N, C-alpha and C. Protein backbone atom coordinates (compact mmCIF):
# COMPACT_ATOMS: atom_id res chain seq x y z
N MET A 1 -9.00 -11.30 4.64
CA MET A 1 -10.17 -11.18 5.46
C MET A 1 -9.79 -10.64 6.85
N VAL A 2 -8.63 -11.01 7.33
CA VAL A 2 -8.20 -10.57 8.66
C VAL A 2 -8.03 -9.06 8.68
N ARG A 3 -7.29 -8.54 7.71
CA ARG A 3 -7.05 -7.10 7.68
C ARG A 3 -8.32 -6.31 7.38
N LEU A 4 -9.21 -6.90 6.58
CA LEU A 4 -10.47 -6.23 6.25
C LEU A 4 -11.33 -6.07 7.50
N CYS A 5 -11.41 -7.09 8.32
CA CYS A 5 -12.17 -7.00 9.57
C CYS A 5 -11.57 -5.95 10.50
N GLY A 6 -10.26 -5.95 10.61
CA GLY A 6 -9.60 -4.97 11.47
C GLY A 6 -9.82 -3.55 10.99
N ALA A 7 -9.67 -3.34 9.70
CA ALA A 7 -9.85 -1.99 9.16
C ALA A 7 -11.31 -1.53 9.29
N SER A 8 -12.24 -2.43 9.03
CA SER A 8 -13.65 -2.07 9.11
C SER A 8 -14.05 -1.68 10.53
N LEU A 9 -13.68 -2.51 11.49
CA LEU A 9 -14.04 -2.19 12.87
C LEU A 9 -13.31 -0.94 13.37
N GLY A 10 -12.06 -0.77 12.98
CA GLY A 10 -11.32 0.42 13.39
C GLY A 10 -11.93 1.70 12.86
N LEU A 11 -12.28 1.72 11.59
CA LEU A 11 -12.89 2.91 11.01
C LEU A 11 -14.30 3.15 11.55
N PHE A 12 -15.02 2.08 11.83
CA PHE A 12 -16.34 2.24 12.42
C PHE A 12 -16.23 2.88 13.80
N ALA A 13 -15.29 2.40 14.62
CA ALA A 13 -15.10 2.97 15.96
C ALA A 13 -14.65 4.42 15.87
N PHE A 14 -13.76 4.74 14.93
CA PHE A 14 -13.27 6.10 14.75
C PHE A 14 -14.42 7.05 14.42
N SER A 15 -15.22 6.67 13.43
CA SER A 15 -16.31 7.57 13.01
C SER A 15 -17.38 7.69 14.09
N THR A 16 -17.68 6.61 14.78
CA THR A 16 -18.69 6.66 15.84
C THR A 16 -18.22 7.54 17.00
N THR A 17 -16.94 7.42 17.35
CA THR A 17 -16.40 8.23 18.44
C THR A 17 -16.40 9.71 18.08
N ILE A 18 -16.05 10.02 16.86
CA ILE A 18 -16.07 11.43 16.44
C ILE A 18 -17.50 11.97 16.44
N PHE A 19 -18.43 11.20 15.92
CA PHE A 19 -19.82 11.64 15.88
C PHE A 19 -20.37 11.87 17.29
N LEU A 20 -20.13 10.93 18.20
CA LEU A 20 -20.64 11.07 19.56
C LEU A 20 -19.93 12.18 20.33
N GLY A 21 -18.64 12.39 20.05
CA GLY A 21 -17.90 13.49 20.69
C GLY A 21 -18.43 14.85 20.24
N LEU A 22 -18.73 14.97 18.95
CA LEU A 22 -19.30 16.23 18.45
C LEU A 22 -20.71 16.44 19.01
N LEU A 23 -21.46 15.38 19.12
CA LEU A 23 -22.82 15.46 19.65
C LEU A 23 -22.80 15.89 21.11
N ALA A 24 -21.79 15.45 21.86
CA ALA A 24 -21.68 15.81 23.28
C ALA A 24 -21.07 17.20 23.48
N GLY A 25 -20.48 17.78 22.44
CA GLY A 25 -19.90 19.11 22.54
C GLY A 25 -18.50 19.12 23.12
N ASN A 26 -17.76 18.04 23.00
CA ASN A 26 -16.39 17.96 23.50
C ASN A 26 -15.45 18.76 22.60
N PRO A 27 -14.30 19.22 23.15
CA PRO A 27 -13.33 19.92 22.31
C PRO A 27 -12.70 18.98 21.27
N ALA A 28 -12.21 19.55 20.19
CA ALA A 28 -11.70 18.77 19.06
C ALA A 28 -10.50 17.90 19.44
N ASN A 29 -9.59 18.42 20.25
CA ASN A 29 -8.41 17.63 20.61
C ASN A 29 -8.79 16.41 21.46
N VAL A 30 -9.78 16.52 22.31
CA VAL A 30 -10.24 15.40 23.12
C VAL A 30 -10.92 14.36 22.22
N ILE A 31 -11.71 14.85 21.29
CA ILE A 31 -12.42 13.95 20.36
C ILE A 31 -11.42 13.15 19.54
N LEU A 32 -10.40 13.83 19.00
CA LEU A 32 -9.42 13.14 18.16
C LEU A 32 -8.59 12.11 18.94
N VAL A 33 -8.19 12.44 20.15
CA VAL A 33 -7.41 11.50 20.95
C VAL A 33 -8.26 10.27 21.26
N ARG A 34 -9.50 10.49 21.68
CA ARG A 34 -10.37 9.36 21.99
C ARG A 34 -10.70 8.54 20.73
N ALA A 35 -10.88 9.23 19.61
CA ALA A 35 -11.19 8.52 18.36
C ALA A 35 -10.02 7.66 17.91
N LEU A 36 -8.81 8.17 18.04
CA LEU A 36 -7.62 7.39 17.66
C LEU A 36 -7.42 6.19 18.59
N GLN A 37 -7.68 6.38 19.88
CA GLN A 37 -7.58 5.27 20.83
C GLN A 37 -8.63 4.20 20.51
N ALA A 38 -9.84 4.63 20.22
CA ALA A 38 -10.90 3.68 19.89
C ALA A 38 -10.58 2.95 18.59
N MET A 39 -10.03 3.68 17.60
CA MET A 39 -9.69 3.06 16.33
C MET A 39 -8.61 2.00 16.52
N LEU A 40 -7.60 2.28 17.31
CA LEU A 40 -6.54 1.31 17.56
C LEU A 40 -7.08 0.07 18.28
N ALA A 41 -7.88 0.30 19.32
CA ALA A 41 -8.42 -0.83 20.08
C ALA A 41 -9.33 -1.70 19.22
N PHE A 42 -10.21 -1.08 18.46
CA PHE A 42 -11.14 -1.86 17.65
C PHE A 42 -10.46 -2.47 16.44
N CYS A 43 -9.40 -1.86 15.96
CA CYS A 43 -8.64 -2.48 14.87
C CYS A 43 -8.00 -3.77 15.36
N LEU A 44 -7.44 -3.77 16.56
CA LEU A 44 -6.85 -4.98 17.12
C LEU A 44 -7.92 -6.04 17.38
N LEU A 45 -9.07 -5.62 17.90
CA LEU A 45 -10.17 -6.57 18.10
C LEU A 45 -10.67 -7.14 16.77
N GLY A 46 -10.72 -6.30 15.75
CA GLY A 46 -11.16 -6.76 14.43
C GLY A 46 -10.17 -7.74 13.81
N ILE A 47 -8.88 -7.48 14.01
CA ILE A 47 -7.86 -8.40 13.51
C ILE A 47 -7.99 -9.75 14.20
N LEU A 48 -8.20 -9.73 15.51
CA LEU A 48 -8.38 -10.97 16.26
C LEU A 48 -9.64 -11.71 15.79
N ALA A 49 -10.74 -10.99 15.63
CA ALA A 49 -11.98 -11.62 15.18
C ALA A 49 -11.84 -12.16 13.75
N GLY A 50 -11.15 -11.42 12.89
CA GLY A 50 -10.94 -11.88 11.53
C GLY A 50 -10.06 -13.11 11.47
N TRP A 51 -9.05 -13.18 12.33
CA TRP A 51 -8.19 -14.36 12.37
C TRP A 51 -8.96 -15.58 12.85
N VAL A 52 -9.80 -15.40 13.86
CA VAL A 52 -10.62 -16.52 14.35
C VAL A 52 -11.58 -16.99 13.26
N ALA A 53 -12.22 -16.06 12.57
CA ALA A 53 -13.13 -16.43 11.49
C ALA A 53 -12.39 -17.15 10.36
N TYR A 54 -11.19 -16.69 10.04
CA TYR A 54 -10.39 -17.34 9.01
C TYR A 54 -10.06 -18.78 9.39
N ARG A 55 -9.65 -18.98 10.65
CA ARG A 55 -9.32 -20.33 11.11
C ARG A 55 -10.54 -21.25 11.09
N VAL A 56 -11.69 -20.73 11.50
CA VAL A 56 -12.91 -21.54 11.51
C VAL A 56 -13.29 -21.95 10.10
N LEU A 57 -13.25 -21.00 9.17
CA LEU A 57 -13.59 -21.31 7.78
C LEU A 57 -12.58 -22.26 7.15
N ASP A 58 -11.30 -22.08 7.47
CA ASP A 58 -10.26 -22.97 6.93
C ASP A 58 -10.44 -24.39 7.43
N GLU A 59 -10.67 -24.55 8.73
CA GLU A 59 -10.85 -25.89 9.27
C GLU A 59 -12.12 -26.55 8.74
N HIS A 60 -13.17 -25.74 8.55
CA HIS A 60 -14.40 -26.29 7.98
C HIS A 60 -14.16 -26.77 6.54
N ALA A 61 -13.42 -25.98 5.76
CA ALA A 61 -13.15 -26.36 4.38
C ALA A 61 -12.31 -27.63 4.31
N VAL A 62 -11.32 -27.76 5.19
CA VAL A 62 -10.50 -28.97 5.20
C VAL A 62 -11.34 -30.18 5.59
N ARG A 63 -12.16 -30.04 6.62
CA ARG A 63 -13.01 -31.15 7.05
C ARG A 63 -14.01 -31.54 5.95
N ARG A 64 -14.58 -30.54 5.31
CA ARG A 64 -15.54 -30.81 4.22
C ARG A 64 -14.85 -31.51 3.06
N HIS A 65 -13.62 -31.10 2.75
CA HIS A 65 -12.86 -31.73 1.67
C HIS A 65 -12.60 -33.20 2.00
N HIS A 66 -12.23 -33.48 3.24
CA HIS A 66 -11.98 -34.87 3.63
C HIS A 66 -13.27 -35.69 3.63
N ASP A 67 -14.40 -35.05 3.93
CA ASP A 67 -15.68 -35.77 3.87
C ASP A 67 -16.07 -36.10 2.43
N LEU A 68 -15.81 -35.17 1.53
CA LEU A 68 -16.19 -35.38 0.13
C LEU A 68 -15.23 -36.29 -0.61
N PHE A 69 -13.95 -36.22 -0.28
CA PHE A 69 -12.92 -37.01 -0.96
C PHE A 69 -12.11 -37.80 0.06
N PRO A 70 -12.68 -38.84 0.62
CA PRO A 70 -11.99 -39.55 1.71
C PRO A 70 -10.76 -40.33 1.26
N ALA A 71 -10.71 -40.81 0.00
CA ALA A 71 -9.60 -41.65 -0.45
C ALA A 71 -8.41 -40.82 -0.93
N GLU A 72 -8.58 -39.54 -1.13
CA GLU A 72 -7.50 -38.72 -1.65
C GLU A 72 -6.40 -38.58 -0.61
N GLY A 73 -5.20 -38.84 -1.00
CA GLY A 73 -4.06 -38.74 -0.11
C GLY A 73 -3.74 -40.02 0.62
N HIS A 74 -4.56 -41.05 0.48
CA HIS A 74 -4.30 -42.33 1.10
C HIS A 74 -3.89 -43.32 0.02
N ALA A 75 -2.89 -44.11 0.29
CA ALA A 75 -2.43 -45.10 -0.68
C ALA A 75 -3.43 -46.25 -0.72
N GLU A 76 -3.81 -46.64 -1.91
CA GLU A 76 -4.73 -47.76 -2.06
C GLU A 76 -3.94 -49.06 -2.04
N PRO A 77 -4.43 -50.08 -1.37
CA PRO A 77 -3.72 -51.37 -1.40
C PRO A 77 -3.80 -51.99 -2.78
N ARG A 78 -2.65 -52.54 -3.20
CA ARG A 78 -2.61 -53.16 -4.53
C ARG A 78 -3.18 -54.56 -4.47
N ALA A 79 -3.84 -54.95 -5.56
CA ALA A 79 -4.36 -56.32 -5.66
C ALA A 79 -3.18 -57.24 -5.90
N GLU A 80 -3.24 -58.46 -5.37
CA GLU A 80 -2.15 -59.41 -5.54
C GLU A 80 -2.04 -59.80 -7.00
N GLY A 81 -0.81 -59.94 -7.47
CA GLY A 81 -0.59 -60.37 -8.84
C GLY A 81 -0.45 -59.22 -9.81
N SER A 82 -0.69 -57.97 -9.37
CA SER A 82 -0.52 -56.85 -10.30
C SER A 82 0.93 -56.42 -10.27
N SER A 83 1.44 -56.06 -11.44
CA SER A 83 2.84 -55.66 -11.53
C SER A 83 2.97 -54.18 -11.23
N ALA A 84 4.16 -53.76 -10.82
CA ALA A 84 4.40 -52.37 -10.46
C ALA A 84 4.36 -51.47 -11.69
N GLY A 85 4.67 -51.99 -12.86
CA GLY A 85 4.71 -51.18 -14.07
C GLY A 85 3.44 -51.30 -14.89
N SER A 86 2.35 -51.53 -14.28
CA SER A 86 1.09 -51.73 -14.99
C SER A 86 0.67 -50.45 -15.72
N GLY A 87 0.08 -50.61 -16.88
CA GLY A 87 -0.38 -49.47 -17.67
C GLY A 87 -1.65 -48.86 -17.12
N ASN A 88 -2.34 -49.52 -16.21
CA ASN A 88 -3.59 -49.02 -15.65
C ASN A 88 -3.37 -48.31 -14.32
N LYS A 89 -2.21 -47.82 -14.09
CA LYS A 89 -1.89 -47.17 -12.83
C LYS A 89 -2.75 -45.92 -12.67
N GLY A 90 -3.43 -45.79 -11.54
CA GLY A 90 -4.22 -44.60 -11.27
C GLY A 90 -5.60 -44.63 -11.88
N LYS A 91 -5.94 -45.67 -12.61
CA LYS A 91 -7.26 -45.75 -13.23
C LYS A 91 -8.13 -46.70 -12.43
N PRO A 92 -9.43 -46.49 -12.46
CA PRO A 92 -10.32 -47.42 -11.78
C PRO A 92 -10.21 -48.81 -12.40
N PRO A 93 -10.52 -49.88 -11.66
CA PRO A 93 -10.36 -51.25 -12.16
C PRO A 93 -11.20 -51.54 -13.40
N SER A 94 -12.29 -50.84 -13.61
CA SER A 94 -13.15 -51.14 -14.76
C SER A 94 -12.61 -50.57 -16.07
N VAL A 95 -11.69 -49.62 -16.01
CA VAL A 95 -11.16 -49.00 -17.21
C VAL A 95 -10.11 -49.90 -17.82
N GLY A 96 -10.23 -50.19 -19.08
CA GLY A 96 -9.23 -50.95 -19.80
C GLY A 96 -9.39 -52.45 -19.69
N THR A 97 -10.40 -52.94 -19.01
CA THR A 97 -10.63 -54.38 -18.90
C THR A 97 -11.94 -54.74 -19.57
N ARG A 98 -11.92 -55.82 -20.30
CA ARG A 98 -13.15 -56.28 -20.96
C ARG A 98 -13.22 -57.75 -20.92
């Protein structure tokens, strides 16, 4: 996503600069130099924006995962009297008991 944002903004700036340079009647060498400068600048801005968006989405996904699955990754306290080699390890208390 980071590289896609950078490439998209860079190519958009390049094409817009060329179009506006031709519309203004500038010489071709001036148009190309300005278009390449704009492409480089907007590519860097796009990479930065894509990285920020990636971090925001990643942090949101982690927070959402912790909200949906709060017990995952935390050790559950064992009930007193249960042996370490119990056959019901990892199963809910209702499974296997009658």
